[in-house]
Amino acid sequence: MIRFLEVTKIFPRAGAALEEVSFYIPKGEFVFLTGHSGSGKTTTLKLIHMAERPTRGEVRVTGFSSLKTPRRDVWKVRRRVGFVFQDFRLLPGRTALENVAFALEVTGAPKGEIRPRAQRLLAQVGLAAKAGASPEELSGGEQQRVAIARALASDPLVLLADEPTGNLDERATRGIMDLFWELHARGMGVVMATHDLDLVRQYPKARVMELAQGRLVYDSRPGE
């Protein structure tokens, strides 16, 4: 479902973020993308989301190629690939329900379906009772759950998460990880960037890929 073919990404000022990285992630796999700050984790996620394009090489995502997909069609990729950020990025002044509803509006959901679907998504992440709460009334873990519900609005095949537990305490982290693992158990792929190796060790069945200075230096998947 996701394939990197000798991918190099060079930024004009910062230099090489990735160098000749190749890997394949099949449908429904749970992957931890690890490495120190600056190792290339976020760049890898952005390339999968097609927010960035490779300098050299090719990225293939759910049938789309970085070499052949024009910018006007990137939205089609993002319908299949959800993204969860460390800092939640909820819309201020809008309730949890309205934040999720906005994502459904963007995806073109029929107007009459938006509210009930938003309510179902909040229930899916365990926040049905907080639908009317604004972001400032929610804990960090609850805000991240709203962000996950929003990312699920397009019914993606894979969920990307960039340090999603970085701002959370231990209890909230456990809740978010349980939610990710539940989504994975239902068949959704998850690619989660994290530098927290203690967290990674708690999920021995997940695949682990480690980046160092822009290169893939470890992959726990047999045959890689």
N, C-alpha and C. Protein backbone atom coordinates (compact mmCIF):
# COMPACT_ATOMS: atom_id res chain seq x y z
N MET A 1 0.83 -1.22 0.00
CA MET A 1 0.00 0.00 0.00
C MET A 1 0.85 1.26 0.00
N ILE A 2 1.99 1.22 0.72
CA ILE A 2 2.93 2.34 0.73
C ILE A 2 4.30 1.80 0.33
N ARG A 3 4.90 2.40 -0.68
CA ARG A 3 6.21 1.94 -1.11
C ARG A 3 7.13 3.14 -1.37
N PHE A 4 8.32 3.07 -0.80
CA PHE A 4 9.38 4.05 -1.08
C PHE A 4 10.43 3.35 -1.94
N LEU A 5 10.76 3.96 -3.06
CA LEU A 5 11.74 3.40 -3.98
C LEU A 5 12.94 4.35 -4.08
N GLU A 6 13.98 4.04 -3.32
CA GLU A 6 15.23 4.82 -3.32
C GLU A 6 14.94 6.32 -3.21
N VAL A 7 14.19 6.67 -2.17
CA VAL A 7 13.72 8.05 -2.00
C VAL A 7 14.78 8.90 -1.31
N THR A 8 15.08 10.02 -1.94
CA THR A 8 15.94 11.05 -1.35
C THR A 8 15.16 12.36 -1.32
N LYS A 9 15.20 13.05 -0.18
CA LYS A 9 14.56 14.35 -0.07
C LYS A 9 15.58 15.36 0.43
N ILE A 10 15.83 16.38 -0.37
CA ILE A 10 16.80 17.43 -0.02
C ILE A 10 16.06 18.76 0.06
N PHE A 11 16.22 19.45 1.19
CA PHE A 11 15.68 20.78 1.35
C PHE A 11 16.78 21.79 1.07
N PRO A 12 16.47 22.88 0.37
CA PRO A 12 17.50 23.84 -0.05
C PRO A 12 18.40 24.33 1.07
N ARG A 13 17.83 24.64 2.23
CA ARG A 13 18.64 25.19 3.32
C ARG A 13 19.13 24.13 4.29
N ALA A 14 18.28 23.15 4.57
CA ALA A 14 18.62 22.15 5.60
C ALA A 14 19.43 20.97 5.07
N GLY A 15 19.42 20.79 3.75
CA GLY A 15 20.16 19.67 3.18
C GLY A 15 19.31 18.41 3.11
N ALA A 16 19.97 17.25 3.09
CA ALA A 16 19.28 15.98 2.90
C ALA A 16 18.54 15.54 4.16
N ALA A 17 17.23 15.37 4.05
CA ALA A 17 16.42 14.85 5.16
C ALA A 17 16.29 13.34 5.07
N LEU A 18 16.26 12.81 3.84
CA LEU A 18 16.25 11.37 3.60
C LEU A 18 17.21 11.06 2.47
N GLU A 19 17.86 9.89 2.56
CA GLU A 19 18.81 9.48 1.52
C GLU A 19 18.59 8.03 1.14
N GLU A 20 18.13 7.82 -0.08
CA GLU A 20 17.99 6.49 -0.68
C GLU A 20 17.24 5.52 0.24
N VAL A 21 16.08 5.94 0.68
CA VAL A 21 15.25 5.11 1.58
C VAL A 21 14.28 4.27 0.75
N SER A 22 14.26 2.97 1.02
CA SER A 22 13.34 2.05 0.34
C SER A 22 12.66 1.16 1.37
N PHE A 23 11.35 1.00 1.25
CA PHE A 23 10.60 0.07 2.09
C PHE A 23 9.21 -0.13 1.51
N TYR A 24 8.53 -1.15 2.01
CA TYR A 24 7.15 -1.43 1.60
C TYR A 24 6.31 -1.70 2.84
N ILE A 25 5.16 -1.05 2.93
CA ILE A 25 4.22 -1.27 4.03
C ILE A 25 2.92 -1.80 3.42
N PRO A 26 2.56 -3.04 3.71
CA PRO A 26 1.31 -3.59 3.16
C PRO A 26 0.08 -3.05 3.88
N LYS A 27 -1.06 -3.32 3.32
CA LYS A 27 -2.32 -2.85 3.87
C LYS A 27 -2.53 -3.41 5.29
N GLY A 28 -2.95 -2.53 6.19
CA GLY A 28 -3.34 -2.95 7.53
C GLY A 28 -2.22 -3.16 8.52
N GLU A 29 -0.99 -2.78 8.18
CA GLU A 29 0.13 -3.00 9.09
C GLU A 29 0.26 -1.84 10.08
N PHE A 30 0.72 -2.16 11.30
CA PHE A 30 1.01 -1.16 12.33
C PHE A 30 2.52 -0.98 12.37
N VAL A 31 2.97 0.24 12.11
CA VAL A 31 4.40 0.52 12.01
C VAL A 31 4.77 1.67 12.94
N PHE A 32 5.78 1.43 13.77
CA PHE A 32 6.41 2.50 14.52
C PHE A 32 7.60 3.01 13.71
N LEU A 33 7.64 4.31 13.44
CA LEU A 33 8.76 4.94 12.77
C LEU A 33 9.56 5.67 13.83
N THR A 34 10.75 5.16 14.15
CA THR A 34 11.52 5.69 15.26
C THR A 34 12.80 6.38 14.78
N GLY A 35 13.45 7.05 15.72
CA GLY A 35 14.69 7.75 15.42
C GLY A 35 14.76 9.04 16.20
N HIS A 36 15.97 9.55 16.36
CA HIS A 36 16.16 10.80 17.09
C HIS A 36 15.56 11.97 16.32
N SER A 37 15.40 13.09 16.99
CA SER A 37 14.93 14.31 16.34
C SER A 37 15.85 14.65 15.16
N GLY A 38 15.24 14.93 14.01
CA GLY A 38 16.03 15.26 12.83
C GLY A 38 16.43 14.06 12.00
N SER A 39 15.94 12.87 12.36
CA SER A 39 16.34 11.66 11.64
C SER A 39 15.57 11.47 10.33
N GLY A 40 14.45 12.20 10.16
CA GLY A 40 13.68 12.09 8.93
C GLY A 40 12.28 11.52 9.09
N LYS A 41 11.82 11.35 10.34
CA LYS A 41 10.51 10.75 10.58
C LYS A 41 9.38 11.61 10.00
N THR A 42 9.36 12.89 10.35
CA THR A 42 8.29 13.76 9.87
C THR A 42 8.33 13.91 8.36
N THR A 43 9.52 14.01 7.80
CA THR A 43 9.64 14.10 6.34
C THR A 43 9.05 12.87 5.68
N THR A 44 9.29 11.70 6.25
CA THR A 44 8.74 10.46 5.70
C THR A 44 7.21 10.51 5.69
N LEU A 45 6.62 10.96 6.79
CA LEU A 45 5.16 11.06 6.85
C LEU A 45 4.63 12.07 5.84
N LYS A 46 5.31 13.19 5.69
CA LYS A 46 4.87 14.21 4.73
C LYS A 46 4.96 13.70 3.29
N LEU A 47 5.95 12.87 3.02
CA LEU A 47 6.06 12.28 1.68
C LEU A 47 4.93 11.30 1.42
N ILE A 48 4.55 10.53 2.44
CA ILE A 48 3.42 9.61 2.30
C ILE A 48 2.13 10.39 2.06
N HIS A 49 1.98 11.50 2.76
CA HIS A 49 0.79 12.35 2.64
C HIS A 49 0.83 13.24 1.41
N MET A 50 1.95 13.22 0.70
CA MET A 50 2.23 14.04 -0.49
C MET A 50 2.17 15.53 -0.20
N ALA A 51 2.47 15.88 1.05
CA ALA A 51 2.69 17.29 1.37
C ALA A 51 4.06 17.72 0.85
N GLU A 52 4.95 16.75 0.67
CA GLU A 52 6.24 16.95 0.05
C GLU A 52 6.42 15.92 -1.06
N ARG A 53 7.29 16.23 -2.00
CA ARG A 53 7.63 15.29 -3.07
C ARG A 53 9.12 14.95 -2.98
N PRO A 54 9.50 13.74 -3.37
CA PRO A 54 10.92 13.37 -3.31
C PRO A 54 11.77 14.21 -4.27
N THR A 55 13.00 14.43 -3.87
CA THR A 55 13.97 15.04 -4.79
C THR A 55 14.39 14.02 -5.83
N ARG A 56 14.58 12.80 -5.37
CA ARG A 56 14.86 11.66 -6.25
C ARG A 56 14.10 10.44 -5.74
N GLY A 57 13.84 9.50 -6.64
CA GLY A 57 13.11 8.31 -6.25
C GLY A 57 11.61 8.48 -6.40
N GLU A 58 10.86 7.52 -5.88
CA GLU A 58 9.41 7.52 -6.06
C GLU A 58 8.72 7.04 -4.78
N VAL A 59 7.59 7.68 -4.47
CA VAL A 59 6.71 7.25 -3.38
C VAL A 59 5.39 6.81 -4.00
N ARG A 60 4.96 5.60 -3.65
CA ARG A 60 3.66 5.10 -4.10
C ARG A 60 2.76 4.91 -2.88
N VAL A 61 1.57 5.46 -2.95
CA VAL A 61 0.63 5.41 -1.83
C VAL A 61 -0.76 5.05 -2.34
N THR A 62 -1.28 3.93 -1.90
CA THR A 62 -2.63 3.47 -2.24
C THR A 62 -2.95 3.63 -3.72
N GLY A 63 -1.99 3.30 -4.57
CA GLY A 63 -2.22 3.35 -6.01
C GLY A 63 -1.81 4.65 -6.68
N PHE A 64 -1.36 5.64 -5.92
CA PHE A 64 -0.92 6.92 -6.47
C PHE A 64 0.60 7.01 -6.43
N SER A 65 1.19 7.61 -7.45
CA SER A 65 2.64 7.76 -7.53
C SER A 65 3.03 9.23 -7.42
N SER A 66 4.11 9.49 -6.67
CA SER A 66 4.61 10.87 -6.56
C SER A 66 5.10 11.41 -7.89
N LEU A 67 5.41 10.50 -8.82
CA LEU A 67 5.91 10.93 -10.13
C LEU A 67 4.79 11.26 -11.11
N LYS A 68 3.60 10.74 -10.84
CA LYS A 68 2.52 10.87 -11.82
C LYS A 68 1.30 11.63 -11.31
N THR A 69 1.22 11.84 -9.99
CA THR A 69 0.03 12.49 -9.43
C THR A 69 0.20 14.00 -9.43
N PRO A 70 -0.58 14.74 -10.21
CA PRO A 70 -0.48 16.20 -10.21
C PRO A 70 -0.99 16.78 -8.90
N ARG A 71 -0.55 17.99 -8.59
CA ARG A 71 -0.95 18.61 -7.32
C ARG A 71 -2.46 18.75 -7.20
N ARG A 72 -3.13 18.93 -8.30
CA ARG A 72 -4.58 19.11 -8.23
C ARG A 72 -5.30 17.83 -7.79
N ASP A 73 -4.58 16.68 -7.85
CA ASP A 73 -5.20 15.41 -7.47
C ASP A 73 -4.69 14.87 -6.13
N VAL A 74 -3.87 15.66 -5.42
CA VAL A 74 -3.35 15.19 -4.14
C VAL A 74 -4.48 14.95 -3.14
N TRP A 75 -5.58 15.67 -3.25
CA TRP A 75 -6.71 15.47 -2.34
C TRP A 75 -7.23 14.03 -2.40
N LYS A 76 -7.06 13.38 -3.54
CA LYS A 76 -7.50 11.99 -3.66
C LYS A 76 -6.66 11.07 -2.79
N VAL A 77 -5.37 11.39 -2.68
CA VAL A 77 -4.49 10.62 -1.79
C VAL A 77 -4.93 10.83 -0.35
N ARG A 78 -5.21 12.06 0.00
CA ARG A 78 -5.53 12.40 1.39
C ARG A 78 -6.90 11.89 1.82
N ARG A 79 -7.75 11.52 0.86
CA ARG A 79 -9.00 10.85 1.22
C ARG A 79 -8.70 9.45 1.76
N ARG A 80 -7.56 8.90 1.38
CA ARG A 80 -7.21 7.53 1.77
C ARG A 80 -6.19 7.50 2.91
N VAL A 81 -5.61 8.65 3.21
CA VAL A 81 -4.54 8.73 4.21
C VAL A 81 -4.88 9.82 5.23
N GLY A 82 -5.25 9.43 6.45
CA GLY A 82 -5.51 10.39 7.51
C GLY A 82 -4.22 10.82 8.20
N PHE A 83 -4.23 11.99 8.85
CA PHE A 83 -3.03 12.51 9.49
C PHE A 83 -3.40 13.08 10.86
N VAL A 84 -2.66 12.62 11.88
CA VAL A 84 -2.85 13.11 13.25
C VAL A 84 -1.55 13.76 13.71
N PHE A 85 -1.65 14.99 14.23
CA PHE A 85 -0.47 15.76 14.61
C PHE A 85 -0.27 15.75 16.12
N GLN A 86 0.92 16.11 16.55
CA GLN A 86 1.23 16.17 17.98
C GLN A 86 0.44 17.28 18.67
N ASP A 87 0.24 18.40 17.98
CA ASP A 87 -0.35 19.57 18.61
C ASP A 87 -1.86 19.72 18.32
N PHE A 88 -2.51 18.62 17.96
CA PHE A 88 -3.98 18.52 17.83
C PHE A 88 -4.54 19.33 16.66
N ARG A 89 -4.24 20.63 16.60
CA ARG A 89 -4.69 21.51 15.51
C ARG A 89 -6.21 21.57 15.37
N LEU A 90 -6.88 21.64 16.50
CA LEU A 90 -8.33 21.80 16.47
C LEU A 90 -8.69 23.25 16.20
N LEU A 91 -9.86 23.47 15.63
CA LEU A 91 -10.32 24.82 15.33
C LEU A 91 -10.85 25.47 16.60
N PRO A 92 -10.26 26.58 17.03
CA PRO A 92 -10.74 27.25 18.25
C PRO A 92 -12.12 27.84 18.02
N GLY A 93 -12.90 27.92 19.10
CA GLY A 93 -14.23 28.50 18.99
C GLY A 93 -15.26 27.56 18.42
N ARG A 94 -14.86 26.31 18.13
CA ARG A 94 -15.81 25.32 17.63
C ARG A 94 -15.82 24.12 18.57
N THR A 95 -16.96 23.51 18.71
CA THR A 95 -17.07 22.35 19.59
C THR A 95 -16.37 21.14 18.97
N ALA A 96 -16.26 20.10 19.78
CA ALA A 96 -15.69 18.85 19.27
C ALA A 96 -16.49 18.35 18.07
N LEU A 97 -17.81 18.41 18.19
CA LEU A 97 -18.66 17.97 17.08
C LEU A 97 -18.45 18.82 15.84
N GLU A 98 -18.33 20.12 16.03
CA GLU A 98 -18.15 21.02 14.89
C GLU A 98 -16.78 20.84 14.23
N ASN A 99 -15.75 20.49 15.02
CA ASN A 99 -14.44 20.22 14.45
C ASN A 99 -14.49 19.01 13.52
N VAL A 100 -15.18 17.96 13.97
CA VAL A 100 -15.29 16.76 13.14
C VAL A 100 -16.21 17.01 11.95
N ALA A 101 -17.28 17.75 12.18
CA ALA A 101 -18.22 18.07 11.10
C ALA A 101 -17.53 18.86 9.99
N PHE A 102 -16.63 19.76 10.38
CA PHE A 102 -15.92 20.55 9.38
C PHE A 102 -15.10 19.65 8.46
N ALA A 103 -14.45 18.64 9.05
CA ALA A 103 -13.67 17.71 8.22
C ALA A 103 -14.57 16.96 7.25
N LEU A 104 -15.77 16.61 7.69
CA LEU A 104 -16.72 15.94 6.81
C LEU A 104 -17.20 16.86 5.69
N GLU A 105 -17.38 18.14 6.01
CA GLU A 105 -17.75 19.11 4.98
C GLU A 105 -16.69 19.19 3.91
N VAL A 106 -15.43 19.22 4.34
CA VAL A 106 -14.31 19.32 3.40
C VAL A 106 -14.26 18.11 2.47
N THR A 107 -14.61 16.94 3.01
CA THR A 107 -14.57 15.73 2.18
C THR A 107 -15.79 15.61 1.27
N GLY A 108 -16.73 16.54 1.40
CA GLY A 108 -17.89 16.54 0.51
C GLY A 108 -19.02 15.65 0.94
N ALA A 109 -19.10 15.33 2.23
CA ALA A 109 -20.19 14.50 2.72
C ALA A 109 -21.52 15.21 2.52
N PRO A 110 -22.59 14.48 2.21
CA PRO A 110 -23.92 15.10 2.06
C PRO A 110 -24.30 15.85 3.33
N LYS A 111 -24.89 17.00 3.17
CA LYS A 111 -25.18 17.88 4.29
C LYS A 111 -26.00 17.18 5.38
N GLY A 112 -26.99 16.41 4.97
CA GLY A 112 -27.84 15.75 5.95
C GLY A 112 -27.15 14.63 6.73
N GLU A 113 -25.99 14.18 6.26
CA GLU A 113 -25.28 13.10 6.92
C GLU A 113 -24.17 13.60 7.85
N ILE A 114 -23.82 14.87 7.73
CA ILE A 114 -22.64 15.37 8.43
C ILE A 114 -22.77 15.24 9.94
N ARG A 115 -23.83 15.76 10.50
CA ARG A 115 -23.96 15.74 11.96
C ARG A 115 -24.03 14.31 12.54
N PRO A 116 -24.89 13.44 12.00
CA PRO A 116 -24.92 12.08 12.55
C PRO A 116 -23.58 11.33 12.37
N ARG A 117 -22.90 11.56 11.25
CA ARG A 117 -21.61 10.89 11.05
C ARG A 117 -20.57 11.43 12.02
N ALA A 118 -20.60 12.75 12.26
CA ALA A 118 -19.67 13.34 13.23
C ALA A 118 -19.92 12.77 14.62
N GLN A 119 -21.18 12.59 14.97
CA GLN A 119 -21.51 12.01 16.27
C GLN A 119 -21.02 10.57 16.38
N ARG A 120 -21.15 9.81 15.29
CA ARG A 120 -20.68 8.42 15.30
C ARG A 120 -19.15 8.36 15.43
N LEU A 121 -18.46 9.27 14.77
CA LEU A 121 -17.00 9.29 14.85
C LEU A 121 -16.54 9.64 16.26
N LEU A 122 -17.20 10.59 16.90
CA LEU A 122 -16.86 10.92 18.28
C LEU A 122 -17.14 9.74 19.20
N ALA A 123 -18.23 9.03 18.95
CA ALA A 123 -18.52 7.84 19.75
C ALA A 123 -17.46 6.77 19.54
N GLN A 124 -16.96 6.67 18.32
CA GLN A 124 -15.93 5.67 18.00
C GLN A 124 -14.65 5.90 18.80
N VAL A 125 -14.34 7.17 19.07
CA VAL A 125 -13.12 7.48 19.83
C VAL A 125 -13.42 7.70 21.31
N GLY A 126 -14.64 7.38 21.73
CA GLY A 126 -14.99 7.45 23.14
C GLY A 126 -15.34 8.83 23.67
N LEU A 127 -15.82 9.71 22.79
CA LEU A 127 -16.10 11.08 23.21
C LEU A 127 -17.53 11.52 22.91
N ALA A 128 -18.45 10.59 22.86
CA ALA A 128 -19.84 10.95 22.56
C ALA A 128 -20.39 11.97 23.54
N ALA A 129 -19.97 11.87 24.80
CA ALA A 129 -20.49 12.76 25.84
C ALA A 129 -19.86 14.15 25.80
N LYS A 130 -18.80 14.32 24.99
CA LYS A 130 -18.11 15.62 24.95
C LYS A 130 -18.33 16.33 23.62
N ALA A 131 -19.37 15.96 22.90
CA ALA A 131 -19.61 16.54 21.58
C ALA A 131 -19.76 18.05 21.62
N GLY A 132 -20.35 18.59 22.68
CA GLY A 132 -20.60 20.03 22.77
C GLY A 132 -19.50 20.81 23.43
N ALA A 133 -18.40 20.15 23.81
CA ALA A 133 -17.30 20.83 24.50
C ALA A 133 -16.38 21.51 23.50
N SER A 134 -15.86 22.67 23.88
CA SER A 134 -14.88 23.37 23.05
C SER A 134 -13.50 22.81 23.38
N PRO A 135 -12.50 23.03 22.51
CA PRO A 135 -11.16 22.48 22.75
C PRO A 135 -10.57 22.84 24.11
N GLU A 136 -10.80 24.08 24.57
CA GLU A 136 -10.22 24.51 25.84
C GLU A 136 -10.89 23.83 27.04
N GLU A 137 -12.02 23.21 26.80
CA GLU A 137 -12.71 22.47 27.87
C GLU A 137 -12.31 21.00 27.91
N LEU A 138 -11.47 20.59 26.98
CA LEU A 138 -11.05 19.19 26.88
C LEU A 138 -9.63 19.02 27.37
N SER A 139 -9.33 17.84 27.91
CA SER A 139 -7.96 17.52 28.29
C SER A 139 -7.13 17.27 27.03
N GLY A 140 -5.82 17.16 27.19
CA GLY A 140 -4.96 16.90 26.04
C GLY A 140 -5.32 15.59 25.35
N GLY A 141 -5.57 14.55 26.15
CA GLY A 141 -5.96 13.27 25.56
C GLY A 141 -7.27 13.35 24.81
N GLU A 142 -8.22 14.11 25.35
CA GLU A 142 -9.52 14.26 24.69
C GLU A 142 -9.38 15.07 23.40
N GLN A 143 -8.55 16.10 23.43
CA GLN A 143 -8.32 16.87 22.20
C GLN A 143 -7.71 15.98 21.11
N GLN A 144 -6.79 15.10 21.51
CA GLN A 144 -6.19 14.21 20.52
C GLN A 144 -7.21 13.23 19.97
N ARG A 145 -8.14 12.80 20.81
CA ARG A 145 -9.20 11.91 20.33
C ARG A 145 -10.09 12.62 19.30
N VAL A 146 -10.38 13.90 19.53
CA VAL A 146 -11.14 14.67 18.55
C VAL A 146 -10.35 14.74 17.24
N ALA A 147 -9.05 14.97 17.36
CA ALA A 147 -8.20 15.05 16.17
C ALA A 147 -8.21 13.73 15.41
N ILE A 148 -8.23 12.62 16.14
CA ILE A 148 -8.29 11.31 15.49
C ILE A 148 -9.63 11.11 14.81
N ALA A 149 -10.71 11.49 15.48
CA ALA A 149 -12.04 11.40 14.87
C ALA A 149 -12.09 12.21 13.58
N ARG A 150 -11.49 13.37 13.61
CA ARG A 150 -11.44 14.22 12.41
C ARG A 150 -10.65 13.55 11.29
N ALA A 151 -9.53 12.90 11.65
CA ALA A 151 -8.72 12.21 10.65
C ALA A 151 -9.44 11.01 10.05
N LEU A 152 -10.41 10.47 10.79
CA LEU A 152 -11.16 9.31 10.31
C LEU A 152 -12.35 9.70 9.44
N ALA A 153 -12.57 11.00 9.28
CA ALA A 153 -13.76 11.47 8.57
C ALA A 153 -13.84 10.95 7.13
N SER A 154 -12.70 10.77 6.49
CA SER A 154 -12.70 10.31 5.09
C SER A 154 -12.62 8.80 4.98
N ASP A 155 -12.73 8.09 6.12
CA ASP A 155 -12.64 6.63 6.14
C ASP A 155 -11.35 6.17 5.48
N PRO A 156 -10.20 6.61 5.98
CA PRO A 156 -8.92 6.33 5.32
C PRO A 156 -8.50 4.87 5.43
N LEU A 157 -7.61 4.47 4.53
CA LEU A 157 -7.02 3.13 4.57
C LEU A 157 -5.87 3.06 5.56
N VAL A 158 -5.23 4.20 5.76
CA VAL A 158 -4.07 4.25 6.67
C VAL A 158 -4.10 5.56 7.44
N LEU A 159 -3.66 5.50 8.69
CA LEU A 159 -3.61 6.67 9.55
C LEU A 159 -2.16 6.98 9.87
N LEU A 160 -1.71 8.19 9.54
CA LEU A 160 -0.37 8.65 9.88
C LEU A 160 -0.45 9.46 11.17
N ALA A 161 0.51 9.26 12.06
CA ALA A 161 0.49 9.98 13.34
C ALA A 161 1.91 10.45 13.65
N ASP A 162 2.08 11.75 13.79
CA ASP A 162 3.39 12.34 14.04
C ASP A 162 3.52 12.70 15.52
N GLU A 163 4.21 11.86 16.28
CA GLU A 163 4.40 12.06 17.73
C GLU A 163 3.06 12.37 18.41
N PRO A 164 2.02 11.54 18.20
CA PRO A 164 0.69 11.89 18.70
C PRO A 164 0.56 11.86 20.21
N THR A 165 1.51 11.23 20.90
CA THR A 165 1.44 11.17 22.37
C THR A 165 2.50 12.08 23.01
N GLY A 166 3.18 12.87 22.20
CA GLY A 166 4.28 13.68 22.71
C GLY A 166 3.88 14.70 23.76
N ASN A 167 2.63 15.18 23.71
CA ASN A 167 2.17 16.19 24.67
C ASN A 167 1.23 15.62 25.74
N LEU A 168 1.20 14.29 25.86
CA LEU A 168 0.23 13.65 26.75
C LEU A 168 0.91 12.98 27.94
N ASP A 169 0.17 12.86 29.03
CA ASP A 169 0.68 12.13 30.18
C ASP A 169 0.53 10.63 29.93
N GLU A 170 1.01 9.83 30.90
CA GLU A 170 1.06 8.38 30.70
C GLU A 170 -0.34 7.77 30.50
N ARG A 171 -1.30 8.23 31.29
CA ARG A 171 -2.65 7.68 31.19
C ARG A 171 -3.27 8.01 29.84
N ALA A 172 -3.15 9.26 29.42
CA ALA A 172 -3.72 9.67 28.14
C ALA A 172 -3.02 8.95 26.99
N THR A 173 -1.71 8.75 27.13
CA THR A 173 -0.95 8.04 26.10
C THR A 173 -1.48 6.62 25.94
N ARG A 174 -1.72 5.95 27.05
CA ARG A 174 -2.25 4.59 26.99
C ARG A 174 -3.60 4.56 26.28
N GLY A 175 -4.46 5.52 26.57
CA GLY A 175 -5.76 5.57 25.93
C GLY A 175 -5.66 5.77 24.42
N ILE A 176 -4.77 6.67 24.00
CA ILE A 176 -4.59 6.92 22.57
C ILE A 176 -4.02 5.69 21.88
N MET A 177 -3.04 5.04 22.51
CA MET A 177 -2.45 3.84 21.91
C MET A 177 -3.47 2.71 21.82
N ASP A 178 -4.30 2.56 22.82
CA ASP A 178 -5.35 1.55 22.77
C ASP A 178 -6.29 1.82 21.59
N LEU A 179 -6.58 3.10 21.37
CA LEU A 179 -7.46 3.47 20.26
C LEU A 179 -6.80 3.16 18.92
N PHE A 180 -5.51 3.50 18.77
CA PHE A 180 -4.80 3.17 17.53
C PHE A 180 -4.79 1.67 17.29
N TRP A 181 -4.55 0.90 18.36
CA TRP A 181 -4.46 -0.54 18.20
C TRP A 181 -5.82 -1.13 17.84
N GLU A 182 -6.89 -0.53 18.36
CA GLU A 182 -8.24 -0.97 18.00
C GLU A 182 -8.52 -0.71 16.53
N LEU A 183 -8.12 0.46 16.04
CA LEU A 183 -8.30 0.78 14.62
C LEU A 183 -7.51 -0.20 13.75
N HIS A 184 -6.30 -0.50 14.18
CA HIS A 184 -5.47 -1.48 13.47
C HIS A 184 -6.14 -2.85 13.45
N ALA A 185 -6.72 -3.26 14.56
CA ALA A 185 -7.39 -4.56 14.64
C ALA A 185 -8.58 -4.64 13.68
N ARG A 186 -9.15 -3.49 13.35
CA ARG A 186 -10.27 -3.45 12.41
C ARG A 186 -9.81 -3.43 10.96
N GLY A 187 -8.49 -3.41 10.74
CA GLY A 187 -7.97 -3.46 9.38
C GLY A 187 -7.31 -2.21 8.88
N MET A 188 -7.29 -1.15 9.68
CA MET A 188 -6.67 0.10 9.25
C MET A 188 -5.16 0.05 9.47
N GLY A 189 -4.40 0.54 8.51
CA GLY A 189 -2.97 0.68 8.69
C GLY A 189 -2.66 1.88 9.56
N VAL A 190 -1.60 1.78 10.36
CA VAL A 190 -1.17 2.89 11.21
C VAL A 190 0.34 3.03 11.07
N VAL A 191 0.79 4.24 10.75
CA VAL A 191 2.22 4.54 10.72
C VAL A 191 2.45 5.68 11.70
N MET A 192 3.11 5.37 12.81
CA MET A 192 3.25 6.32 13.90
C MET A 192 4.71 6.67 14.13
N ALA A 193 5.04 7.93 14.00
CA ALA A 193 6.39 8.41 14.29
C ALA A 193 6.50 8.70 15.78
N THR A 194 7.55 8.19 16.41
CA THR A 194 7.78 8.44 17.83
C THR A 194 9.25 8.26 18.16
N HIS A 195 9.72 9.01 19.14
CA HIS A 195 11.08 8.81 19.65
C HIS A 195 11.06 8.06 20.98
N ASP A 196 9.84 7.68 21.44
CA ASP A 196 9.67 7.05 22.74
C ASP A 196 9.84 5.54 22.61
N LEU A 197 11.05 5.04 22.83
CA LEU A 197 11.32 3.61 22.67
C LEU A 197 10.66 2.78 23.77
N ASP A 198 10.46 3.36 24.94
CA ASP A 198 9.74 2.64 25.99
C ASP A 198 8.32 2.32 25.55
N LEU A 199 7.70 3.26 24.87
CA LEU A 199 6.36 3.05 24.33
C LEU A 199 6.38 1.96 23.26
N VAL A 200 7.35 2.01 22.38
CA VAL A 200 7.45 1.03 21.29
C VAL A 200 7.57 -0.38 21.85
N ARG A 201 8.33 -0.55 22.91
CA ARG A 201 8.57 -1.88 23.49
C ARG A 201 7.29 -2.49 24.06
N GLN A 202 6.30 -1.67 24.33
CA GLN A 202 5.04 -2.19 24.88
C GLN A 202 4.17 -2.85 23.81
N TYR A 203 4.57 -2.74 22.54
CA TYR A 203 3.79 -3.29 21.43
C TYR A 203 4.69 -4.16 20.54
N PRO A 204 5.10 -5.32 21.06
CA PRO A 204 6.07 -6.14 20.34
C PRO A 204 5.56 -6.70 19.01
N LYS A 205 4.25 -6.69 18.78
CA LYS A 205 3.73 -7.21 17.52
C LYS A 205 3.78 -6.18 16.39
N ALA A 206 4.07 -4.94 16.73
CA ALA A 206 4.15 -3.90 15.70
C ALA A 206 5.49 -3.98 14.97
N ARG A 207 5.49 -3.54 13.76
CA ARG A 207 6.72 -3.42 12.99
C ARG A 207 7.46 -2.15 13.42
N VAL A 208 8.77 -2.23 13.49
CA VAL A 208 9.57 -1.07 13.89
C VAL A 208 10.56 -0.74 12.78
N MET A 209 10.55 0.51 12.34
CA MET A 209 11.51 1.00 11.36
C MET A 209 12.24 2.18 11.98
N GLU A 210 13.56 2.13 11.95
CA GLU A 210 14.36 3.19 12.57
C GLU A 210 15.14 3.98 11.51
N LEU A 211 15.06 5.29 11.63
CA LEU A 211 15.81 6.19 10.77
C LEU A 211 16.94 6.82 11.56
N ALA A 212 18.07 7.02 10.91
CA ALA A 212 19.20 7.73 11.51
C ALA A 212 19.86 8.56 10.43
N GLN A 213 19.90 9.87 10.65
CA GLN A 213 20.51 10.80 9.69
C GLN A 213 19.97 10.60 8.27
N GLY A 214 18.65 10.38 8.21
CA GLY A 214 18.02 10.29 6.91
C GLY A 214 18.07 8.94 6.23
N ARG A 215 18.63 7.95 6.89
CA ARG A 215 18.73 6.61 6.29
C ARG A 215 17.98 5.59 7.13
N LEU A 216 17.40 4.61 6.45
CA LEU A 216 16.72 3.53 7.15
C LEU A 216 17.77 2.54 7.63
N VAL A 217 17.95 2.46 8.95
CA VAL A 217 19.03 1.64 9.50
C VAL A 217 18.52 0.36 10.16
N TYR A 218 17.21 0.24 10.35
CA TYR A 218 16.67 -0.97 10.97
C TYR A 218 15.22 -1.15 10.55
N ASP A 219 14.85 -2.40 10.26
CA ASP A 219 13.47 -2.73 9.94
C ASP A 219 13.21 -4.13 10.51
N SER A 220 12.26 -4.22 11.44
CA SER A 220 12.00 -5.49 12.12
C SER A 220 11.19 -6.46 11.30
N ARG A 221 10.67 -6.02 10.16
CA ARG A 221 9.84 -6.91 9.35
C ARG A 221 10.70 -7.98 8.70
N PRO A 222 10.33 -9.25 8.86
CA PRO A 222 11.11 -10.32 8.24
C PRO A 222 11.27 -10.11 6.73
N GLY A 223 12.48 -10.30 6.25
CA GLY A 223 12.76 -10.17 4.85
C GLY A 223 13.17 -8.78 4.41
N GLU A 224 13.05 -7.81 5.34
CA GLU A 224 13.45 -6.44 4.99
C GLU A 224 14.90 -6.20 5.40
